Amino acid sequence: MEKQRLDKIIASTGKWSRKEVKNLIRQGMVLVDGLPARSAEDKVDPEQAVIVVNGEELTYRKVTWVMLNKPAGYLSATEDGRGLTVLDLLTPELRKQGLFPVGRLDKDTEGLLLLTNEGGLAHDLLSPRHHVDKVYYTRVSGRLTEEDCRAFQAGMTLDDGLVCQSAGLDILTAGEESEAYVTLREGKFHQVKRMLAQRGKPVLYLERVRMGNLTLDSSLSRGSFRFLTEEELALLRNL
């Protein structure tokens, strides 16, 4: 692999800024192949060199995948003049890596959102022909019934002409406000909300909890993120 500046490689982890990396190098806290780094401008092969920062060996990523627990109020976009985007929740160094959301969650929808700079796999995960399930927890106004479940299973054409494929609706509680899981195999604009509104059960709250075989990490507080593990990436690639 082509050699890169040492400070760029270390900063790409999102744990340190380039300024912080320079300070760590001056303090002798950055080792490259067992020897103290001389300069932030040193160029090394990130796939071959063993880089240790403050006692921690780095794992170099050719591509970056992040799991974000999206809070309400943030737009699933890389930039938008209307308000804050999910990139504003990342570190400054991660924001420089060209990450983009894998699909979209509405501004008021919370939960699992993946961000990456690997276009090919992101496209495959969103492609209808791959049938990657997206599972949402929802709370609605009104009593959900088995008739609603059958309507979702059959697929529906909405009043505005939108054709929705078969989807799953699993009722958790039924009352004046009902709770359920909705499973989509496509991702049309406001689809969960529009399908439930068609059934006369407007959405009060919506959270994505799973994408394919990847479940939202319960240890992630709302608005926080972490890198995907190699095992999780392998699961996504196997889809």
Protein backbone atom coordinates (compact mmCIF):
# COMPACT_ATOMS: atom_id res chain seq x y z
CA MET A 1 0.00 0.00 0.00
CA GLU A 2 1.14 3.55 -0.66
CA LYS A 3 2.86 5.17 2.30
CA GLN A 4 1.00 7.89 4.19
CA ARG A 5 1.88 10.58 6.72
CA LEU A 6 2.02 9.23 10.24
CA ASP A 7 -0.22 11.93 11.70
CA LYS A 8 -2.86 11.26 9.02
CA ILE A 9 -2.89 7.54 9.77
CA ILE A 10 -3.24 8.02 13.52
CA ALA A 11 -5.83 10.79 13.19
CA SER A 12 -7.94 8.56 10.91
CA THR A 13 -8.88 6.51 13.98
CA GLY A 14 -10.88 9.47 15.22
CA LYS A 15 -9.28 9.24 18.67
CA TRP A 16 -6.75 12.04 18.23
CA SER A 17 -6.53 15.19 16.16
CA ARG A 18 -3.41 15.84 14.09
CA LYS A 19 -2.38 18.50 16.61
CA GLU A 20 -2.67 15.97 19.43
CA VAL A 21 -0.66 13.44 17.40
CA LYS A 22 2.18 15.94 17.00
CA ASN A 23 2.26 16.51 20.76
CA LEU A 24 2.30 12.77 21.43
CA ILE A 25 5.21 12.33 19.03
CA ARG A 26 7.16 15.10 20.76
CA GLN A 27 6.59 13.32 24.07
CA GLY A 28 7.92 10.06 22.63
CA MET A 29 4.57 8.31 23.03
CA VAL A 30 4.30 7.16 19.41
CA LEU A 31 6.27 4.09 18.34
CA VAL A 32 6.65 2.80 14.79
CA ASP A 33 7.96 -0.76 14.59
CA GLY A 34 9.22 -0.42 18.15
CA LEU A 35 11.10 2.85 17.65
CA PRO A 36 9.99 6.36 18.70
CA ALA A 37 8.57 8.31 15.78
CA ARG A 38 10.71 11.26 14.74
CA SER A 39 8.13 13.46 13.02
CA ALA A 40 4.43 13.66 12.26
CA GLU A 41 5.43 13.94 8.62
CA ASP A 42 7.15 10.52 8.56
CA LYS A 43 5.60 8.32 5.89
CA VAL A 44 4.85 4.67 6.61
CA ASP A 45 2.82 1.84 5.13
CA PRO A 46 -0.22 1.63 7.45
CA GLU A 47 -0.81 -2.02 6.55
CA GLN A 48 2.74 -3.13 7.31
CA ALA A 49 3.99 -0.87 10.12
CA VAL A 50 3.17 -1.58 13.77
CA ILE A 51 2.08 1.75 15.22
CA VAL A 52 1.65 2.13 18.98
CA VAL A 53 0.19 5.30 20.49
CA ASN A 54 0.40 5.79 24.24
CA GLY A 55 0.71 2.02 24.70
CA GLU A 56 -2.20 1.19 22.35
CA GLU A 57 -1.51 -0.64 19.08
CA LEU A 58 -3.52 0.84 16.22
CA THR A 59 -5.72 -1.17 13.90
CA TYR A 60 -5.65 0.44 10.47
CA ARG A 61 -8.90 0.54 8.51
CA LYS A 62 -8.88 0.71 4.72
CA VAL A 63 -12.48 1.82 4.99
CA THR A 64 -14.42 3.18 7.93
CA TRP A 65 -17.74 1.88 9.21
CA VAL A 66 -19.47 3.53 12.16
CA MET A 67 -22.60 2.54 14.08
CA LEU A 68 -24.47 5.61 15.33
CA ASN A 69 -27.38 5.69 17.74
CA LYS A 70 -29.14 8.58 16.05
CA PRO A 71 -31.12 11.00 18.20
CA ALA A 72 -34.11 12.99 16.99
CA GLY A 73 -33.40 16.41 15.51
CA TYR A 74 -30.55 15.42 13.18
CA LEU A 75 -30.79 15.07 9.41
CA SER A 76 -29.42 11.94 7.69
CA ALA A 77 -27.24 13.88 5.27
CA THR A 78 -23.65 14.97 4.82
CA GLU A 79 -24.62 18.63 4.68
CA ASP A 80 -27.87 20.51 4.81
CA GLY A 81 -28.65 24.18 5.25
CA ARG A 82 -31.79 23.36 7.24
CA GLY A 83 -30.07 22.18 10.41
CA LEU A 84 -27.65 19.79 12.07
CA THR A 85 -26.75 16.55 10.31
CA VAL A 86 -25.63 13.21 11.74
CA LEU A 87 -22.04 14.10 10.81
CA ASP A 88 -22.16 16.80 13.50
CA LEU A 89 -22.26 13.97 16.05
CA LEU A 90 -18.85 12.63 14.93
CA THR A 91 -15.36 13.77 15.85
CA PRO A 92 -13.73 16.44 13.64
CA GLU A 93 -11.24 13.89 12.26
CA LEU A 94 -13.97 11.42 11.32
CA ARG A 95 -15.87 14.19 9.57
CA LYS A 96 -12.86 14.60 7.27
CA GLN A 97 -13.00 10.99 6.08
CA GLY A 98 -15.85 11.39 3.62
CA LEU A 99 -18.37 9.38 5.63
CA PHE A 100 -22.00 9.32 4.51
CA PRO A 101 -25.17 7.73 5.93
CA VAL A 102 -26.17 4.30 4.64
CA GLY A 103 -29.76 5.14 3.88
CA ARG A 104 -31.81 7.70 5.74
CA LEU A 105 -33.74 8.07 8.95
CA ASP A 106 -36.28 10.87 9.23
CA LYS A 107 -35.25 13.87 11.31
CA ASP A 108 -37.48 12.76 14.20
CA THR A 109 -36.66 9.04 13.88
CA GLU A 110 -34.03 7.59 16.22
CA GLY A 111 -31.85 4.50 16.36
CA LEU A 112 -29.46 2.51 14.22
CA LEU A 113 -27.72 4.41 11.44
CA LEU A 114 -24.57 3.23 9.70
CA LEU A 115 -22.05 5.66 8.25
CA THR A 116 -19.20 4.70 5.95
CA ASN A 117 -16.89 5.77 3.15
CA GLU A 118 -17.21 2.41 1.35
CA GLY A 119 -19.63 3.08 -1.47
CA GLY A 120 -19.92 -0.42 -2.96
CA LEU A 121 -21.10 -2.26 0.14
CA ALA A 122 -23.34 0.66 1.16
CA HIS A 123 -25.07 0.48 -2.23
CA ASP A 124 -25.55 -3.28 -1.91
CA LEU A 125 -27.13 -2.93 1.54
CA LEU A 126 -29.68 -0.47 0.16
CA SER A 127 -30.39 -2.23 -3.13
CA PRO A 128 -33.93 -3.72 -3.25
CA ARG A 129 -32.61 -6.84 -4.99
CA HIS A 130 -30.60 -7.79 -1.89
CA HIS A 131 -33.69 -7.68 0.39
CA VAL A 132 -31.85 -6.48 3.50
CA ASP A 133 -34.47 -6.21 6.25
CA LYS A 134 -34.76 -3.03 8.32
CA VAL A 135 -36.57 -3.46 11.63
CA TYR A 136 -38.22 -0.57 13.48
CA TYR A 137 -39.79 -0.27 16.90
CA THR A 138 -42.83 1.99 16.77
CA ARG A 139 -45.47 3.40 19.08
CA VAL A 140 -48.69 4.48 17.42
CA SER A 141 -51.96 6.14 18.32
CA GLY A 142 -54.73 3.55 18.20
CA ARG A 143 -55.18 -0.18 18.67
CA LEU A 144 -53.22 -2.36 16.26
CA THR A 145 -55.02 -5.52 15.16
CA GLU A 146 -54.39 -8.74 13.27
CA GLU A 147 -56.14 -7.10 10.34
CA ASP A 148 -53.36 -4.51 10.27
CA CYS A 149 -50.79 -7.33 10.28
CA ARG A 150 -52.48 -8.98 7.31
CA ALA A 151 -52.60 -5.68 5.43
CA PHE A 152 -48.86 -5.21 5.93
CA GLN A 153 -48.16 -8.80 4.88
CA ALA A 154 -50.20 -8.41 1.70
CA GLY A 155 -48.51 -5.17 0.73
CA MET A 156 -50.49 -2.02 0.11
CA THR A 157 -51.02 0.79 -2.32
CA LEU A 158 -51.30 4.08 -0.46
CA ASP A 159 -53.85 6.79 -1.23
CA ASP A 160 -51.14 8.81 -2.99
CA GLY A 161 -50.37 5.87 -5.29
CA LEU A 162 -47.20 4.62 -3.58
CA VAL A 163 -46.94 0.83 -3.89
CA CYS A 164 -45.44 -0.82 -0.80
CA GLN A 165 -44.16 -4.37 -0.85
CA SER A 166 -45.05 -6.97 1.76
CA ALA A 167 -43.83 -5.92 5.21
CA GLY A 168 -43.87 -7.39 8.68
CA LEU A 169 -45.95 -6.01 11.55
CA ASP A 170 -45.48 -7.74 14.91
CA ILE A 171 -47.69 -6.33 17.65
CA LEU A 172 -46.08 -5.97 21.08
CA THR A 173 -48.91 -4.23 22.94
CA ALA A 174 -52.37 -3.10 21.82
CA GLY A 175 -54.38 -0.32 23.42
CA GLU A 176 -55.11 3.38 22.98
CA GLU A 177 -51.40 3.52 22.13
CA SER A 178 -49.95 0.35 20.59
CA GLU A 179 -46.37 -0.85 20.20
CA ALA A 180 -45.00 -3.02 17.42
CA TYR A 181 -42.01 -4.01 15.33
CA VAL A 182 -42.19 -3.18 11.62
CA THR A 183 -39.92 -5.02 9.17
CA LEU A 184 -39.32 -3.45 5.76
CA ARG A 185 -37.56 -5.01 2.78
CA GLU A 186 -37.40 -1.68 0.98
CA GLY A 187 -36.92 1.87 2.15
CA LYS A 188 -39.27 4.35 0.55
CA PHE A 189 -39.72 7.90 1.82
CA HIS A 190 -41.46 7.95 5.25
CA GLN A 191 -42.66 4.42 4.47
CA VAL A 192 -43.36 3.17 8.01
CA LYS A 193 -45.24 6.33 8.90
CA ARG A 194 -47.22 6.34 5.66
CA MET A 195 -48.22 2.67 5.90
CA LEU A 196 -49.40 3.04 9.48
CA ALA A 197 -51.20 6.28 8.71
CA GLN A 198 -53.01 4.43 5.91
CA ARG A 199 -54.29 2.05 8.58
CA GLY A 200 -55.44 4.98 10.72
CA LYS A 201 -52.69 4.48 13.32
CA PRO A 202 -50.39 7.54 13.14
CA VAL A 203 -46.85 7.07 14.44
CA LEU A 204 -45.98 8.70 17.75
CA TYR A 205 -42.42 7.36 17.98
CA LEU A 206 -40.11 5.48 15.63
CA GLU A 207 -36.71 3.87 16.20
CA ARG A 208 -34.68 1.61 13.89
CA VAL A 209 -33.31 -1.29 15.91
CA ARG A 210 -31.87 -3.64 13.29
CA MET A 211 -30.47 -3.64 9.76
CA GLY A 212 -29.91 -7.05 8.21
CA ASN A 213 -28.24 -9.11 10.93
CA LEU A 214 -26.78 -6.05 12.68
CA THR A 215 -28.61 -4.94 15.84
CA LEU A 216 -28.28 -1.55 17.51
CA ASP A 217 -25.71 -1.82 20.31
CA SER A 218 -27.66 -1.41 23.56
CA SER A 219 -24.59 0.10 25.24
CA LEU A 220 -24.60 3.09 22.85
CA SER A 221 -26.31 6.06 24.40
CA ARG A 222 -28.41 8.24 22.13
CA GLY A 223 -26.12 10.41 20.01
CA SER A 224 -23.02 8.25 20.53
CA PHE A 225 -21.22 6.01 18.04
CA ARG A 226 -18.56 3.34 17.70
CA PHE A 227 -16.64 1.59 14.92
CA LEU A 228 -18.01 -1.70 13.62
CA THR A 229 -15.99 -4.76 14.59
CA GLU A 230 -14.41 -7.02 11.98
CA GLU A 231 -17.04 -9.65 12.86
CA GLU A 232 -19.87 -7.20 12.27
CA LEU A 233 -18.38 -6.12 8.95
CA ALA A 234 -18.10 -9.76 7.90
CA LEU A 235 -21.81 -10.22 8.71
CA LEU A 236 -22.70 -7.27 6.48
CA ARG A 237 -20.53 -8.50 3.62
CA ASN A 238 -22.11 -11.95 3.84
CA LEU A 239 -25.54 -10.43 3.21
